[in-house]
Amino acid sequence: QVQLVESGGGLVQPGGSLILSCAASGSISRFYAMGWYRQSPGKQRELVATITGSGITNYADSVKGRFTVSRDNAKNTVSLQMNNLKPEDTAVYYCNTRFGISVNYWGQGTQVTVSS
């Protein structure tokens, strides 16, 4: 079992920045991919950014150039630096870790609201 706990969400004005953090505990492996997904009301959960154990990253087109995902394998953490936030970035952000088809864990989510 793996437990994921997110932190860092909140209210920010358009153009502002936030950093989301996720701490993993339990049977976590540095080989697992980690990342962030988000879900806004009435929409399906969507990929935001992922990072493999070796540091290969993948971003949704909508956040490229604005968001940066990083991980610390020694601390079992993954972070999401979000810059130039837009109202359409408003959503619940979920931390995820996965490996193949047998490992797929989610955090409880943290709300990010971008509004003036």
Protein backbone atom coordinates (compact mmCIF):
# COMPACT_ATOMS: atom_id res chain seq x y z
CA GLN A 1 0.00 0.00 0.00
CA VAL A 2 1.04 3.56 -0.72
CA GLN A 3 -0.34 6.68 0.93
CA LEU A 4 -0.19 10.05 -0.80
CA VAL A 5 -0.81 13.35 0.97
CA GLU A 6 -1.06 16.61 -0.98
CA SER A 7 -0.53 20.12 0.33
CA GLY A 8 -0.18 23.63 -1.01
CA GLY A 9 -3.50 24.36 -2.65
CA GLY A 10 -5.42 27.57 -2.14
CA LEU A 11 -6.76 30.74 -3.69
CA VAL A 12 -4.55 32.75 -6.02
CA GLN A 13 -5.12 35.61 -8.42
CA PRO A 14 -4.70 35.17 -12.17
CA GLY A 15 -1.03 35.40 -13.07
CA GLY A 16 0.02 34.20 -9.66
CA SER A 17 1.97 31.13 -8.59
CA LEU A 18 1.48 28.14 -6.30
CA ILE A 19 3.54 25.11 -5.38
CA LEU A 20 1.80 21.81 -4.73
CA SER A 21 3.60 19.09 -2.82
CA CYS A 22 2.84 15.42 -2.36
CA ALA A 23 4.44 13.16 0.22
CA ALA A 24 4.35 9.43 -0.35
CA SER A 25 4.65 6.80 2.34
CA GLY A 26 4.35 3.05 2.54
CA SER A 27 5.60 0.65 -0.12
CA ILE A 28 6.74 3.36 -2.53
CA SER A 29 9.49 2.70 -5.05
CA ARG A 30 11.67 5.16 -6.92
CA PHE A 31 10.77 3.23 -10.07
CA TYR A 32 7.15 4.30 -9.81
CA ALA A 33 6.01 7.18 -11.96
CA MET A 34 4.55 10.08 -9.99
CA GLY A 35 2.47 12.97 -11.12
CA TRP A 36 -0.47 15.30 -10.92
CA TYR A 37 -3.96 15.17 -12.34
CA ARG A 38 -6.84 17.59 -11.93
CA GLN A 39 -10.59 17.57 -12.07
CA SER A 40 -12.97 20.50 -12.30
CA PRO A 41 -16.76 20.32 -11.84
CA GLY A 42 -18.50 18.54 -14.68
CA LYS A 43 -15.27 17.41 -16.29
CA GLN A 44 -13.27 14.22 -16.29
CA ARG A 45 -10.03 13.94 -14.40
CA GLU A 46 -7.17 14.92 -16.68
CA LEU A 47 -3.40 14.60 -16.70
CA VAL A 48 -1.44 17.68 -15.71
CA ALA A 49 2.15 16.46 -15.44
CA THR A 50 4.02 13.24 -14.73
CA ILE A 51 7.61 12.31 -14.00
CA THR A 52 9.24 8.91 -14.15
CA GLY A 53 11.70 7.57 -11.63
CA SER A 54 14.54 8.60 -13.94
CA GLY A 55 13.19 12.13 -14.32
CA ILE A 56 11.46 12.01 -17.69
CA THR A 57 8.57 14.47 -17.66
CA ASN A 58 5.31 14.75 -19.57
CA TYR A 59 2.94 17.73 -19.54
CA ALA A 60 -0.53 18.52 -20.76
CA ASP A 61 -0.38 21.01 -23.61
CA SER A 62 -2.43 23.48 -21.58
CA VAL A 63 0.26 23.78 -18.89
CA LYS A 64 3.47 23.51 -20.90
CA GLY A 65 5.78 26.42 -20.20
CA ARG A 66 3.86 27.36 -17.04
CA PHE A 67 4.05 24.30 -14.77
CA THR A 68 7.09 22.30 -13.69
CA VAL A 69 6.96 18.88 -12.07
CA SER A 70 9.85 17.57 -9.99
CA ARG A 71 10.51 14.75 -7.55
CA ASP A 72 12.88 13.89 -4.74
CA ASN A 73 13.35 10.13 -4.63
CA ALA A 74 15.21 10.28 -1.34
CA LYS A 75 12.26 12.00 0.35
CA ASN A 76 9.52 10.28 -1.70
CA THR A 77 8.00 13.58 -2.70
CA VAL A 78 6.72 15.10 -5.91
CA SER A 79 6.05 18.80 -6.44
CA LEU A 80 4.27 20.92 -8.99
CA GLN A 81 5.41 24.50 -9.49
CA MET A 82 2.55 26.41 -11.12
CA ASN A 83 3.24 29.85 -12.62
CA ASN A 84 1.09 32.29 -14.55
CA LEU A 85 -2.04 30.62 -13.27
CA LYS A 86 -5.26 31.10 -15.20
CA PRO A 87 -8.91 30.80 -14.10
CA GLU A 88 -9.17 27.63 -16.20
CA ASP A 89 -6.55 26.02 -13.95
CA THR A 90 -9.13 26.00 -11.15
CA ALA A 91 -9.67 22.38 -10.11
CA VAL A 92 -9.01 19.78 -7.48
CA TYR A 93 -5.45 18.55 -8.00
CA TYR A 94 -4.64 14.93 -7.25
CA CYS A 95 -1.28 13.34 -6.68
CA ASN A 96 -0.79 9.94 -8.31
CA THR A 97 1.78 7.18 -8.39
CA ARG A 98 1.67 4.20 -10.73
CA PHE A 99 3.70 1.36 -12.18
CA GLY A 100 2.40 -0.86 -14.92
CA ILE A 101 -1.14 -2.06 -14.35
CA SER A 102 -0.70 -3.29 -10.82
CA VAL A 103 0.18 -0.07 -9.01
CA ASN A 104 -2.09 2.97 -9.10
CA TYR A 105 -2.62 5.14 -6.02
CA TRP A 106 -4.27 8.53 -5.54
CA GLY A 107 -4.12 11.23 -2.93
CA GLN A 108 -7.22 12.86 -1.47
CA GLY A 109 -6.85 15.99 -3.59
CA THR A 110 -6.19 19.66 -2.92
CA GLN A 111 -8.26 22.57 -4.23
CA VAL A 112 -6.67 25.22 -6.40
CA THR A 113 -8.81 28.26 -7.18
CA VAL A 114 -7.62 30.97 -9.54
CA SER A 115 -9.80 34.04 -9.24
CA SER A 116 -9.60 37.79 -8.80
